[in-house]
PDB file of N, CA and C in Angstrom:
ATOM      1  N   UNK A   1      -2.833 -12.584  -4.119  1.00  0.00           N
ATOM      2  CA  UNK A   1      -2.564 -12.132  -2.887  1.00  0.00           C
ATOM      3  C   UNK A   1      -3.852 -11.597  -2.021  1.00  0.00           C
ATOM      4  N   UNK A   2      -3.439 -11.201  -0.935  1.00  0.00           N
ATOM      5  CA  UNK A   2      -4.491 -10.814   0.099  1.00  0.00           C
ATOM      6  C   UNK A   2      -4.740  -9.339  -0.178  1.00  0.00           C
ATOM      7  N   UNK A   3      -5.996  -8.869   0.333  1.00  0.00           N
ATOM      8  CA  UNK A   3      -6.282  -7.491   0.422  1.00  0.00           C
ATOM      9  C   UNK A   3      -6.496  -7.266   1.936  1.00  0.00           C
ATOM     10  N   UNK A   4      -5.934  -6.096   2.339  1.00  0.00           N
ATOM     11  CA  UNK A   4      -6.138  -5.781   3.852  1.00  0.00           C
ATOM     12  C   UNK A   4      -6.268  -4.315   3.851  1.00  0.00           C
ATOM     13  N   UNK A   5      -6.699  -3.710   4.993  1.00  0.00           N
ATOM     14  CA  UNK A   5      -6.999  -2.204   5.024  1.00  0.00           C
ATOM     15  C   UNK A   5      -6.495  -1.687   6.340  1.00  0.00           C
ATOM     16  N   UNK A   6      -6.258  -0.152   6.266  1.00  0.00           N
ATOM     17  CA  UNK A   6      -6.013   0.588   7.314  1.00  0.00           C
ATOM     18  C   UNK A   6      -7.101   1.454   7.591  1.00  0.00           C
ATOM     19  N   UNK A   7      -7.528   1.500   8.821  1.00  0.00           N
ATOM     20  CA  UNK A   7      -8.738   2.186   9.309  1.00  0.00           C
ATOM     21  C   UNK A   7      -8.242   3.761   9.350  1.00  0.00           C
ATOM     22  N   UNK A   8      -9.224   4.550   9.178  1.00  0.00           N
ATOM     23  CA  UNK A   8      -9.008   5.945   9.434  1.00  0.00           C
ATOM     24  C   UNK A   8     -10.341   6.638   8.877  1.00  0.00           C
ATOM     25  N   UNK A   9     -10.335   7.921   8.554  1.00  0.00           N
ATOM     26  CA  UNK A   9     -11.536   8.494   8.081  1.00  0.00           C
ATOM     27  C   UNK A   9     -11.790   7.880   6.745  1.00  0.00           C
ATOM     28  N   UNK A  10     -10.836   7.734   5.946  1.00  0.00           N
ATOM     29  CA  UNK A  10     -11.160   6.774   4.681  1.00  0.00           C
ATOM     30  C   UNK A  10     -10.114   5.678   4.846  1.00  0.00           C
ATOM     31  N   UNK A  11     -10.613   4.574   4.412  1.00  0.00           N
ATOM     32  CA  UNK A  11      -9.828   3.495   4.543  1.00  0.00           C
ATOM     33  C   UNK A  11      -8.941   3.203   3.172  1.00  0.00           C
ATOM     34  N   UNK A  12      -7.693   2.741   3.403  1.00  0.00           N
ATOM     35  CA  UNK A  12      -6.836   2.467   2.210  1.00  0.00           C
ATOM     36  C   UNK A  12      -6.685   0.904   2.180  1.00  0.00           C
ATOM     37  N   UNK A  13      -6.681   0.350   1.089  1.00  0.00           N
ATOM     38  CA  UNK A  13      -6.542  -1.045   0.956  1.00  0.00           C
ATOM     39  C   UNK A  13      -5.301  -1.456   0.349  1.00  0.00           C
ATOM     40  N   UNK A  14      -4.484  -2.257   0.793  1.00  0.00           N
ATOM     41  CA  UNK A  14      -3.158  -2.753   0.371  1.00  0.00           C
ATOM     42  C   UNK A  14      -3.329  -4.127  -0.373  1.00  0.00           C
ATOM     43  N   UNK A  15      -2.821  -4.220  -1.583  1.00  0.00           N
ATOM     44  CA  UNK A  15      -2.919  -5.323  -2.320  1.00  0.00           C
ATOM     45  C   UNK A  15      -1.668  -6.106  -2.267  1.00  0.00           C
ATOM     46  N   UNK A  16      -1.525  -7.399  -1.843  1.00  0.00           N
ATOM     47  CA  UNK A  16      -0.380  -8.176  -1.748  1.00  0.00           C
ATOM     48  C   UNK A  16       0.009  -8.924  -3.052  1.00  0.00           C
ATOM     49  N   UNK A  17       1.277  -9.002  -3.389  1.00  0.00           N
ATOM     50  CA  UNK A  17       1.456  -9.770  -4.515  1.00  0.00           C
ATOM     51  C   UNK A  17       1.656 -11.333  -4.152  1.00  0.00           C
ATOM     52  N   UNK A  18       2.072 -12.159  -5.065  1.00  0.00           N
ATOM     53  CA  UNK A  18       2.043 -13.698  -4.801  1.00  0.00           C
ATOM     54  C   UNK A  18       2.920 -14.085  -3.704  1.00  0.00           C
ATOM     55  N   UNK A  19       4.078 -13.229  -3.290  1.00  0.00           N
ATOM     56  CA  UNK A  19       5.006 -13.460  -2.336  1.00  0.00           C
ATOM     57  C   UNK A  19       4.454 -13.033  -0.936  1.00  0.00           C
ATOM     58  N   UNK A  20       3.291 -12.253  -0.877  1.00  0.00           N
ATOM     59  CA  UNK A  20       2.781 -11.848   0.265  1.00  0.00           C
ATOM     60  C   UNK A  20       3.243 -10.375   0.670  1.00  0.00           C
ATOM     61  N   UNK A  21       4.029  -9.693  -0.317  1.00  0.00           N
ATOM     62  CA  UNK A  21       4.509  -8.374  -0.088  1.00  0.00           C
ATOM     63  C   UNK A  21       3.386  -7.331  -0.506  1.00  0.00           C
ATOM     64  N   UNK A  22       3.392  -6.133   0.117  1.00  0.00           N
ATOM     65  CA  UNK A  22       2.511  -5.149  -0.370  1.00  0.00           C
ATOM     66  C   UNK A  22       2.771  -4.744  -1.762  1.00  0.00           C
ATOM     67  N   UNK A  23       1.894  -4.817  -2.643  1.00  0.00           N
ATOM     68  CA  UNK A  23       2.215  -4.473  -3.966  1.00  0.00           C
ATOM     69  C   UNK A  23       1.820  -3.053  -4.464  1.00  0.00           C
ATOM     70  N   UNK A  24       0.625  -2.678  -3.887  1.00  0.00           N
ATOM     71  CA  UNK A  24       0.092  -1.355  -4.159  1.00  0.00           C
ATOM     72  C   UNK A  24      -0.987  -0.972  -3.068  1.00  0.00           C
ATOM     73  N   UNK A  25      -1.486   0.192  -3.140  1.00  0.00           N
ATOM     74  CA  UNK A  25      -2.568   0.678  -2.298  1.00  0.00           C
ATOM     75  C   UNK A  25      -3.718   1.299  -3.107  1.00  0.00           C
ATOM     76  N   UNK A  26      -4.909   1.203  -2.631  1.00  0.00           N
ATOM     77  CA  UNK A  26      -5.963   1.832  -3.345  1.00  0.00           C
ATOM     78  C   UNK A  26      -6.950   2.443  -2.111  1.00  0.00           C
ATOM     79  N   UNK A  27      -7.596   3.460  -2.540  1.00  0.00           N
ATOM     80  CA  UNK A  27      -8.489   4.032  -1.452  1.00  0.00           C
ATOM     81  C   UNK A  27      -9.784   3.482  -1.434  1.00  0.00           C
ATOM     82  N   UNK A  28     -10.469   3.530  -0.372  1.00  0.00           N
ATOM     83  CA  UNK A  28     -11.803   2.985  -0.147  1.00  0.00           C
ATOM     84  C   UNK A  28     -12.695   3.503  -1.334  1.00  0.00           C
ATOM     85  N   UNK A  29     -12.631   4.753  -1.729  1.00  0.00           N
ATOM     86  CA  UNK A  29     -13.478   5.082  -2.832  1.00  0.00           C
ATOM     87  C   UNK A  29     -13.227   4.555  -4.122  1.00  0.00           C
ATOM     88  N   UNK A  30     -11.879   4.268  -4.494  1.00  0.00           N
ATOM     89  CA  UNK A  30     -11.617   3.679  -5.665  1.00  0.00           C
ATOM     90  C   UNK A  30     -11.886   2.222  -5.673  1.00  0.00           C
ATOM     91  N   UNK A  31     -11.868   1.545  -4.490  1.00  0.00           N
ATOM     92  CA  UNK A  31     -12.432   0.228  -4.313  1.00  0.00           C
ATOM     93  C   UNK A  31     -13.843   0.137  -4.591  1.00  0.00           C
ATOM     94  N   UNK A  32     -14.713   1.045  -4.031  1.00  0.00           N
ATOM     95  CA  UNK A  32     -16.043   0.943  -4.162  1.00  0.00           C
ATOM     96  C   UNK A  32     -16.564   1.357  -5.525  1.00  0.00           C
ATOM     97  N   UNK A  33     -15.830   2.268  -6.136  1.00  0.00           N
ATOM     98  CA  UNK A  33     -16.270   2.487  -7.567  1.00  0.00           C
ATOM     99  C   UNK A  33     -15.960   1.349  -8.498  1.00  0.00           C
ATOM    100  N   UNK A  34     -14.851   0.611  -8.288  1.00  0.00           N
ATOM    101  CA  UNK A  34     -14.483  -0.465  -9.122  1.00  0.00           C
ATOM    102  C   UNK A  34     -15.575  -1.630  -8.836  1.00  0.00           C
ATOM    103  N   UNK A  35     -15.818  -1.881  -7.634  1.00  0.00           N
ATOM    104  CA  UNK A  35     -16.886  -2.883  -7.455  1.00  0.00           C
ATOM    105  C   UNK A  35     -18.291  -2.542  -8.073  1.00  0.00           C
ATOM    106  N   UNK A  36     -18.615  -1.294  -7.767  1.00  0.00           N
ATOM    107  CA  UNK A  36     -19.908  -0.882  -8.303  1.00  0.00           C
ATOM    108  C   UNK A  36     -19.958  -1.013  -9.874  1.00  0.00           C
ATOM    109  N   UNK A  37     -18.940  -0.569 -10.567  1.00  0.00           N
ATOM    110  CA  UNK A  37     -18.916  -0.716 -11.995  1.00  0.00           C
ATOM    111  C   UNK A  37     -18.713  -2.235 -12.641  1.00  0.00           C
ATOM    112  N   UNK A  38     -18.251  -3.064 -11.770  1.00  0.00           N
ATOM    113  CA  UNK A  38     -18.036  -4.459 -12.103  1.00  0.00           C
ATOM    114  C   UNK A  38     -18.906  -5.449 -11.285  1.00  0.00           C
ATOM    115  N   UNK A  39     -19.950  -4.941 -10.797  1.00  0.00           N
ATOM    116  CA  UNK A  39     -20.763  -5.809  -9.793  1.00  0.00           C
ATOM    117  C   UNK A  39     -21.171  -7.177 -10.461  1.00  0.00           C
ATOM    118  N   UNK A  40     -21.512  -7.120 -11.728  1.00  0.00           N
ATOM    119  CA  UNK A  40     -21.976  -8.443 -12.368  1.00  0.00           C
ATOM    120  C   UNK A  40     -20.914  -9.514 -12.334  1.00  0.00           C
ATOM    121  N   UNK A  41     -19.581  -9.008 -12.327  1.00  0.00           N
ATOM    122  CA  UNK A  41     -18.514 -10.134 -12.297  1.00  0.00           C
ATOM    123  C   UNK A  41     -18.389 -10.958 -10.999  1.00  0.00           C
ATOM    124  N   UNK A  42     -18.907 -10.281  -9.901  1.00  0.00           N
ATOM    125  CA  UNK A  42     -19.090 -10.931  -8.625  1.00  0.00           C
ATOM    126  C   UNK A  42     -19.993 -12.105  -8.454  1.00  0.00           C
ATOM    127  N   UNK A  43     -20.957 -12.072  -9.409  1.00  0.00           N
ATOM    128  CA  UNK A  43     -21.956 -13.242  -9.279  1.00  0.00           C
ATOM    129  C   UNK A  43     -22.610 -13.258  -7.962  1.00  0.00           C
ATOM    130  N   UNK A  44     -22.878 -14.476  -7.370  1.00  0.00           N
ATOM    131  CA  UNK A  44     -23.484 -14.608  -6.035  1.00  0.00           C
ATOM    132  C   UNK A  44     -22.601 -14.030  -5.005  1.00  0.00           C
ATOM    133  N   UNK A  45     -21.256 -13.855  -5.135  1.00  0.00           N
ATOM    134  CA  UNK A  45     -20.513 -13.178  -4.078  1.00  0.00           C
ATOM    135  C   UNK A  45     -20.774 -11.818  -3.809  1.00  0.00           C
ATOM    136  N   UNK A  46     -21.619 -11.181  -4.666  1.00  0.00           N
ATOM    137  CA  UNK A  46     -21.989  -9.751  -4.452  1.00  0.00           C
ATOM    138  C   UNK A  46     -22.923  -9.582  -3.289  1.00  0.00           C
ATOM    139  N   UNK A  47     -23.469 -10.684  -2.678  1.00  0.00           N
ATOM    140  CA  UNK A  47     -24.238 -10.709  -1.560  1.00  0.00           C
ATOM    141  C   UNK A  47     -23.634 -10.923  -0.235  1.00  0.00           C
ATOM    142  N   UNK A  48     -22.348 -11.156  -0.316  1.00  0.00           N
ATOM    143  CA  UNK A  48     -21.522 -11.469   0.851  1.00  0.00           C
ATOM    144  C   UNK A  48     -20.850 -10.097   1.329  1.00  0.00           C
ATOM    145  N   UNK A  49     -20.587 -10.184   2.721  1.00  0.00           N
ATOM    146  CA  UNK A  49     -19.883  -8.962   3.305  1.00  0.00           C
ATOM    147  C   UNK A  49     -18.406  -9.041   2.939  1.00  0.00           C
ATOM    148  N   UNK A  50     -17.741  -7.973   3.019  1.00  0.00           N
ATOM    149  CA  UNK A  50     -16.291  -7.989   2.868  1.00  0.00           C
ATOM    150  C   UNK A  50     -15.680  -8.846   3.828  1.00  0.00           C
ATOM    151  N   UNK A  51     -15.968  -8.977   4.980  1.00  0.00           N
ATOM    152  CA  UNK A  51     -15.444  -9.928   5.985  1.00  0.00           C
ATOM    153  C   UNK A  51     -15.567 -11.411   5.398  1.00  0.00           C
ATOM    154  N   UNK A  52     -16.765 -11.653   4.970  1.00  0.00           N
ATOM    155  CA  UNK A  52     -17.034 -13.113   4.541  1.00  0.00           C
ATOM    156  C   UNK A  52     -16.156 -13.363   3.386  1.00  0.00           C
ATOM    157  N   UNK A  53     -15.690 -12.327   2.495  1.00  0.00           N
ATOM    158  CA  UNK A  53     -14.894 -12.566   1.302  1.00  0.00           C
ATOM    159  C   UNK A  53     -13.486 -12.574   1.717  1.00  0.00           C
ATOM    160  N   UNK A  54     -13.151 -12.244   2.907  1.00  0.00           N
ATOM    161  CA  UNK A  54     -11.838 -12.139   3.495  1.00  0.00           C
ATOM    162  C   UNK A  54     -10.987 -10.905   3.039  1.00  0.00           C
ATOM    163  N   UNK A  55     -11.747  -9.755   2.889  1.00  0.00           N
ATOM    164  CA  UNK A  55     -11.167  -8.493   2.466  1.00  0.00           C
ATOM    165  C   UNK A  55     -11.043  -7.607   3.573  1.00  0.00           C
ATOM    166  N   UNK A  56      -9.866  -7.112   3.751  1.00  0.00           N
ATOM    167  CA  UNK A  56      -9.744  -6.143   4.902  1.00  0.00           C
ATOM    168  C   UNK A  56      -9.367  -6.652   6.170  1.00  0.00           C
ATOM    169  N   UNK A  57      -8.877  -7.794   6.236  1.00  0.00           N
ATOM    170  CA  UNK A  57      -8.590  -8.437   7.538  1.00  0.00           C
ATOM    171  C   UNK A  57      -7.252  -8.181   8.183  1.00  0.00           C
ATOM    172  N   UNK A  58      -6.275  -7.705   7.308  1.00  0.00           N
ATOM    173  CA  UNK A  58      -4.929  -7.448   7.842  1.00  0.00           C
ATOM    174  C   UNK A  58      -4.792  -5.978   7.865  1.00  0.00           C
ATOM    175  N   UNK A  59      -3.906  -5.449   8.763  1.00  0.00           N
ATOM    176  CA  UNK A  59      -3.591  -4.045   8.871  1.00  0.00           C
ATOM    177  C   UNK A  59      -2.499  -3.657   7.895  1.00  0.00           C
ATOM    178  N   UNK A  60      -2.644  -2.508   7.215  1.00  0.00           N
ATOM    179  CA  UNK A  60      -1.712  -2.108   6.353  1.00  0.00           C
ATOM    180  C   UNK A  60      -0.476  -1.490   7.173  1.00  0.00           C
ATOM    181  N   UNK A  61       0.678  -1.888   6.734  1.00  0.00           N
ATOM    182  CA  UNK A  61       1.858  -1.432   7.451  1.00  0.00           C
ATOM    183  C   UNK A  61       2.282  -0.118   6.925  1.00  0.00           C
ATOM    184  N   UNK A  62       2.637   0.784   7.856  1.00  0.00           N
ATOM    185  CA  UNK A  62       2.869   2.113   7.472  1.00  0.00           C
ATOM    186  C   UNK A  62       3.795   2.897   8.387  1.00  0.00           C
ATOM    187  N   UNK A  63       4.255   4.115   7.825  1.00  0.00           N
ATOM    188  CA  UNK A  63       5.075   4.894   8.617  1.00  0.00           C
ATOM    189  C   UNK A  63       4.421   6.337   8.564  1.00  0.00           C
ATOM    190  N   UNK A  64       4.870   7.180   9.485  1.00  0.00           N
ATOM    191  CA  UNK A  64       4.496   8.544   9.579  1.00  0.00           C
ATOM    192  C   UNK A  64       5.313   9.281   8.527  1.00  0.00           C
ATOM    193  N   UNK A  65       4.704  10.311   7.974  1.00  0.00           N
ATOM    194  CA  UNK A  65       5.411  11.013   6.910  1.00  0.00           C
ATOM    195  C   UNK A  65       6.753  11.727   7.311  1.00  0.00           C
ATOM    196  N   UNK A  66       6.659  12.043   8.698  1.00  0.00           N
ATOM    197  CA  UNK A  66       7.891  12.617   9.280  1.00  0.00           C
ATOM    198  C   UNK A  66       9.094  11.823   9.445  1.00  0.00           C
ATOM    199  N   UNK A  67       8.990  10.427   9.241  1.00  0.00           N
ATOM    200  CA  UNK A  67      10.063   9.557   9.477  1.00  0.00           C
ATOM    201  C   UNK A  67      10.927   9.642   8.103  1.00  0.00           C
ATOM    202  N   UNK A  68      12.099   9.270   8.371  1.00  0.00           N
ATOM    203  CA  UNK A  68      13.163   9.492   7.218  1.00  0.00           C
ATOM    204  C   UNK A  68      12.978   8.251   6.277  1.00  0.00           C
ATOM    205  N   UNK A  69      13.521   8.361   5.059  1.00  0.00           N
ATOM    206  CA  UNK A  69      13.510   7.198   4.137  1.00  0.00           C
ATOM    207  C   UNK A  69      14.289   6.070   4.690  1.00  0.00           C
ATOM    208  N   UNK A  70      15.424   6.369   5.322  1.00  0.00           N
ATOM    209  CA  UNK A  70      16.301   5.317   5.875  1.00  0.00           C
ATOM    210  C   UNK A  70      15.565   4.483   7.004  1.00  0.00           C
ATOM    211  N   UNK A  71      14.757   5.207   7.785  1.00  0.00           N
ATOM    212  CA  UNK A  71      13.852   4.592   8.787  1.00  0.00           C
ATOM    213  C   UNK A  71      12.853   3.655   8.121  1.00  0.00           C
ATOM    214  N   UNK A  72      12.242   4.025   7.072  1.00  0.00           N
ATOM    215  CA  UNK A  72      11.234   3.392   6.252  1.00  0.00           C
ATOM    216  C   UNK A  72      11.933   2.085   5.701  1.00  0.00           C
ATOM    217  N   UNK A  73      13.148   2.236   5.167  1.00  0.00           N
ATOM    218  CA  UNK A  73      13.802   0.937   4.448  1.00  0.00           C
ATOM    219  C   UNK A  73      14.177   0.139   5.677  1.00  0.00           C
ATOM    220  N   UNK A  74      14.689   0.590   6.767  1.00  0.00           N
ATOM    221  CA  UNK A  74      14.865  -0.315   7.896  1.00  0.00           C
ATOM    222  C   UNK A  74      13.706  -1.076   8.341  1.00  0.00           C
ATOM    223  N   UNK A  75      12.500  -0.340   8.482  1.00  0.00           N
ATOM    224  CA  UNK A  75      11.247  -1.008   8.871  1.00  0.00           C
ATOM    225  C   UNK A  75      10.879  -1.932   7.795  1.00  0.00           C
ATOM    226  N   UNK A  76      11.055  -1.677   6.535  1.00  0.00           N
ATOM    227  CA  UNK A  76      10.735  -2.761   5.579  1.00  0.00           C
ATOM    228  C   UNK A  76      11.532  -4.031   5.713  1.00  0.00           C
ATOM    229  N   UNK A  77      12.758  -3.811   6.033  1.00  0.00           N
ATOM    230  CA  UNK A  77      13.658  -4.963   6.093  1.00  0.00           C
ATOM    231  C   UNK A  77      13.346  -5.780   7.416  1.00  0.00           C
ATOM    232  N   UNK A  78      13.111  -5.056   8.497  1.00  0.00           N
ATOM    233  CA  UNK A  78      12.735  -5.734   9.757  1.00  0.00           C
ATOM    234  C   UNK A  78      11.276  -6.530   9.582  1.00  0.00           C
ATOM    235  N   UNK A  79      10.360  -5.929   8.768  1.00  0.00           N
ATOM    236  CA  UNK A  79       9.049  -6.612   8.821  1.00  0.00           C
ATOM    237  C   UNK A  79       9.052  -7.460   7.556  1.00  0.00           C
ATOM    238  N   UNK A  80      10.198  -7.526   6.821  1.00  0.00           N
ATOM    239  CA  UNK A  80      10.184  -8.357   5.627  1.00  0.00           C
ATOM    240  C   UNK A  80       9.085  -8.066   4.532  1.00  0.00           C
ATOM    241  N   UNK A  81       8.918  -6.807   4.300  1.00  0.00           N
ATOM    242  CA  UNK A  81       7.862  -6.326   3.286  1.00  0.00           C
ATOM    243  C   UNK A  81       8.616  -5.438   2.311  1.00  0.00           C
ATOM    244  N   UNK A  82       8.056  -5.356   1.075  1.00  0.00           N
ATOM    245  CA  UNK A  82       8.739  -4.546   0.136  1.00  0.00           C
ATOM    246  C   UNK A  82       8.209  -3.073  -0.043  1.00  0.00           C
ATOM    247  N   UNK A  83       7.134  -2.677   0.839  1.00  0.00           N
ATOM    248  CA  UNK A  83       6.613  -1.431   0.624  1.00  0.00           C
ATOM    249  C   UNK A  83       5.861  -1.060   1.926  1.00  0.00           C
ATOM    250  N   UNK A  84       5.785   0.207   2.200  1.00  0.00           N
ATOM    251  CA  UNK A  84       4.940   0.782   3.393  1.00  0.00           C
ATOM    252  C   UNK A  84       4.057   1.952   2.859  1.00  0.00           C
ATOM    253  N   UNK A  85       2.972   2.065   3.423  1.00  0.00           N
ATOM    254  CA  UNK A  85       2.156   3.188   3.315  1.00  0.00           C
ATOM    255  C   UNK A  85       2.792   4.396   3.994  1.00  0.00           C
ATOM    256  N   UNK A  86       2.639   5.558   3.442  1.00  0.00           N
ATOM    257  CA  UNK A  86       3.206   6.799   4.146  1.00  0.00           C
ATOM    258  C   UNK A  86       1.947   7.593   4.477  1.00  0.00           C
ATOM    259  N   UNK A  87       1.791   7.706   5.807  1.00  0.00           N
ATOM    260  CA  UNK A  87       0.602   8.400   6.304  1.00  0.00           C
ATOM    261  C   UNK A  87       0.773   9.799   6.781  1.00  0.00           C
ATOM    262  N   UNK A  88      -0.011  10.761   6.335  1.00  0.00           N
ATOM    263  CA  UNK A  88       0.151  12.131   6.568  1.00  0.00           C
ATOM    264  C   UNK A  88      -0.328  12.511   8.094  1.00  0.00           C
ATOM    265  N   UNK A  89      -0.176  13.766   8.444  1.00  0.00           N
ATOM    266  CA  UNK A  89      -0.583  14.286   9.811  1.00  0.00           C
ATOM    267  C   UNK A  89      -2.020  14.027  10.018  1.00  0.00           C
ATOM    268  N   UNK A  90      -2.878  14.057   8.934  1.00  0.00           N
ATOM    269  CA  UNK A  90      -4.274  13.966   9.091  1.00  0.00           C
ATOM    270  C   UNK A  90      -4.701  12.471   9.177  1.00  0.00           C
ATOM    271  N   UNK A  91      -3.700  11.532   9.021  1.00  0.00           N
ATOM    272  CA  UNK A  91      -4.103  10.178   9.066  1.00  0.00           C
ATOM    273  C   UNK A  91      -4.380   9.505   7.656  1.00  0.00           C
ATOM    274  N   UNK A  92      -4.402  10.308   6.696  1.00  0.00           N
ATOM    275  CA  UNK A  92      -4.728   9.887   5.241  1.00  0.00           C
ATOM    276  C   UNK A  92      -3.398   9.361   4.623  1.00  0.00           C
ATOM    277  N   UNK A  93      -3.651   8.450   3.640  1.00  0.00           N
ATOM    278  CA  UNK A  93      -2.453   8.085   2.821  1.00  0.00           C
ATOM    279  C   UNK A  93      -1.931   9.129   1.972  1.00  0.00           C
ATOM    280  N   UNK A  94      -0.764   9.270   1.941  1.00  0.00           N
ATOM    281  CA  UNK A  94       0.072  10.312   1.266  1.00  0.00           C
ATOM    282  C   UNK A  94       0.560   9.527  -0.117  1.00  0.00           C
ATOM    283  N   UNK A  95       1.285   8.522   0.154  1.00  0.00           N
ATOM    284  CA  UNK A  95       1.863   7.746  -0.989  1.00  0.00           C
ATOM    285  C   UNK A  95       2.414   6.495  -0.347  1.00  0.00           C
ATOM    286  N   UNK A  96       3.195   5.688  -1.014  1.00  0.00           N
ATOM    287  CA  UNK A  96       3.930   4.612  -0.433  1.00  0.00           C
ATOM    288  C   UNK A  96       5.391   4.672  -0.754  1.00  0.00           C
ATOM    289  N   UNK A  97       6.171   4.031  -0.066  1.00  0.00           N
ATOM    290  CA  UNK A  97       7.652   3.944  -0.261  1.00  0.00           C
ATOM    291  C   UNK A  97       8.015   2.419  -0.338  1.00  0.00           C
ATOM    292  N   UNK A  98       8.803   2.218  -1.372  1.00  0.00           N
ATOM    293  CA  UNK A  98       9.216   0.786  -1.776  1.00  0.00           C
ATOM    294  C   UNK A  98      10.625   0.774  -2.115  1.00  0.00           C
ATOM    295  N   UNK A  99      11.113  -0.525  -2.485  1.00  0.00           N
ATOM    296  CA  UNK A  99      12.334  -0.700  -2.916  1.00  0.00           C
ATOM    297  C   UNK A  99      12.608   0.021  -4.146  1.00  0.00           C
ATOM    298  N   UNK A 100      11.637   0.189  -4.960  1.00  0.00           N
ATOM    299  CA  UNK A 100      11.725   1.051  -6.137  1.00  0.00           C
ATOM    300  C   UNK A 100      12.253   2.417  -5.943  1.00  0.00           C
ATOM    301  N   UNK A 101      11.877   2.968  -4.691  1.00  0.00           N
ATOM    302  CA  UNK A 101      12.364   4.241  -4.479  1.00  0.00           C
ATOM    303  C   UNK A 101      13.764   4.240  -4.186  1.00  0.00           C
ATOM    304  N   UNK A 102      14.293   3.276  -3.408  1.00  0.00           N
ATOM    305  CA  UNK A 102      15.629   3.159  -3.082  1.00  0.00           C
ATOM    306  C   UNK A 102      16.518   2.954  -4.314  1.00  0.00           C
ATOM    307  N   UNK A 103      16.014   2.253  -5.241  1.00  0.00           N
ATOM    308  CA  UNK A 103      16.777   2.051  -6.487  1.00  0.00           C
ATOM    309  C   UNK A 103      16.851   3.507  -7.295  1.00  0.00           C
ATOM    310  N   UNK A 104      15.699   4.186  -7.183  1.00  0.00           N
ATOM    311  CA  UNK A 104      15.748   5.466  -7.899  1.00  0.00           C
ATOM    312  C   UNK A 104      16.690   6.459  -7.253  1.00  0.00           C
ATOM    313  N   UNK A 105      16.741   6.342  -5.788  1.00  0.00           N
ATOM    314  CA  UNK A 105      17.740   7.286  -5.096  1.00  0.00           C
ATOM    315  C   UNK A 105      19.129   6.894  -5.588  1.00  0.00           C
ATOM    316  N   UNK A 106      19.496   5.593  -5.507  1.00  0.00           N
ATOM    317  CA  UNK A 106      20.836   5.141  -5.977  1.00  0.00           C
ATOM    318  C   UNK A 106      21.156   5.627  -7.443  1.00  0.00           C
ATOM    319  N   UNK A 107      20.221   5.303  -8.392  1.00  0.00           N
ATOM    320  CA  UNK A 107      20.300   5.742  -9.699  1.00  0.00           C
ATOM    321  C   UNK A 107      20.599   7.279  -9.730  1.00  0.00           C
ATOM    322  N   UNK A 108      19.808   8.149  -9.063  1.00  0.00           N
ATOM    323  CA  UNK A 108      20.026   9.508  -9.167  1.00  0.00           C
ATOM    324  C   UNK A 108      21.428   9.909  -8.681  1.00  0.00           C
ATOM    325  N   UNK A 109      21.829   9.364  -7.569  1.00  0.00           N
ATOM    326  CA  UNK A 109      23.201   9.612  -7.075  1.00  0.00           C
ATOM    327  C   UNK A 109      24.286   9.435  -8.026  1.00  0.00           C
ATOM    328  N   UNK A 110      24.186   8.317  -8.782  1.00  0.00           N
ATOM    329  CA  UNK A 110      25.188   7.871  -9.759  1.00  0.00           C
ATOM    330  C   UNK A 110      25.063   8.819 -10.964  1.00  0.00           C
ATOM    331  N   UNK A 111      23.827   9.168 -11.444  1.00  0.00           N
ATOM    332  CA  UNK A 111      23.530  10.050 -12.589  1.00  0.00           C
ATOM    333  C   UNK A 111      24.178  11.361 -12.295  1.00  0.00           C
ATOM    334  N   UNK A 112      23.877  11.906 -10.937  1.00  0.00           N
ATOM    335  CA  UNK A 112      24.418  13.300 -10.591  1.00  0.00           C
ATOM    336  C   UNK A 112      25.916  13.256 -10.685  1.00  0.00           C
ATOM    337  N   UNK A 113      26.507  12.232 -10.046  1.00  0.00           N
ATOM    338  CA  UNK A 113      28.042  12.198  -9.997  1.00  0.00           C
ATOM    339  C   UNK A 113      28.583  12.195 -11.335  1.00  0.00           C
ATOM    340  N   UNK A 114      28.037  11.707 -12.382  1.00  0.00           N
ATOM    341  CA  UNK A 114      28.559  11.791 -13.839  1.00  0.00           C
ATOM    342  C   UNK A 114      28.744  13.224 -14.251  1.00  0.00           C
ATOM    343  N   UNK A 115      27.994  14.208 -13.684  1.00  0.00           N
ATOM    344  CA  UNK A 115      28.062  15.572 -14.006  1.00  0.00           C
ATOM    345  C   UNK A 115      29.254  16.382 -13.358  1.00  0.00           C
ATOM    346  N   UNK A 116      29.716  15.747 -12.281  1.00  0.00           N
ATOM    347  CA  UNK A 116      30.688  16.384 -11.403  1.00  0.00           C
ATOM    348  C   UNK A 116      32.148  16.281 -11.946  1.00  0.00           C
TER     349      UNK A 116
END
């Protein structure tokens, strides 16, 4: 999949799965550490810019942390993505929200009802 980034004080990079849905997020620091530790694996590509490698060309889709989960799920449905970055008041990545979170909420509801 593709790698794309969200600009801010620190950049967060989103990783797409084979279907083009955001699969996970990594911070710029994590990305740089990984590249530094594995620089030999890049071979001659290590001399190219991120732009030349096609990294960080798409914007990460996100929501503000004050938005509701329902709003996030609606936005994911509208944008046809499986996850969104959740951005805090300071503009930094807090977490992400995905279909897994919705499944967990549904499971918790049914698990709680079994105690009633």
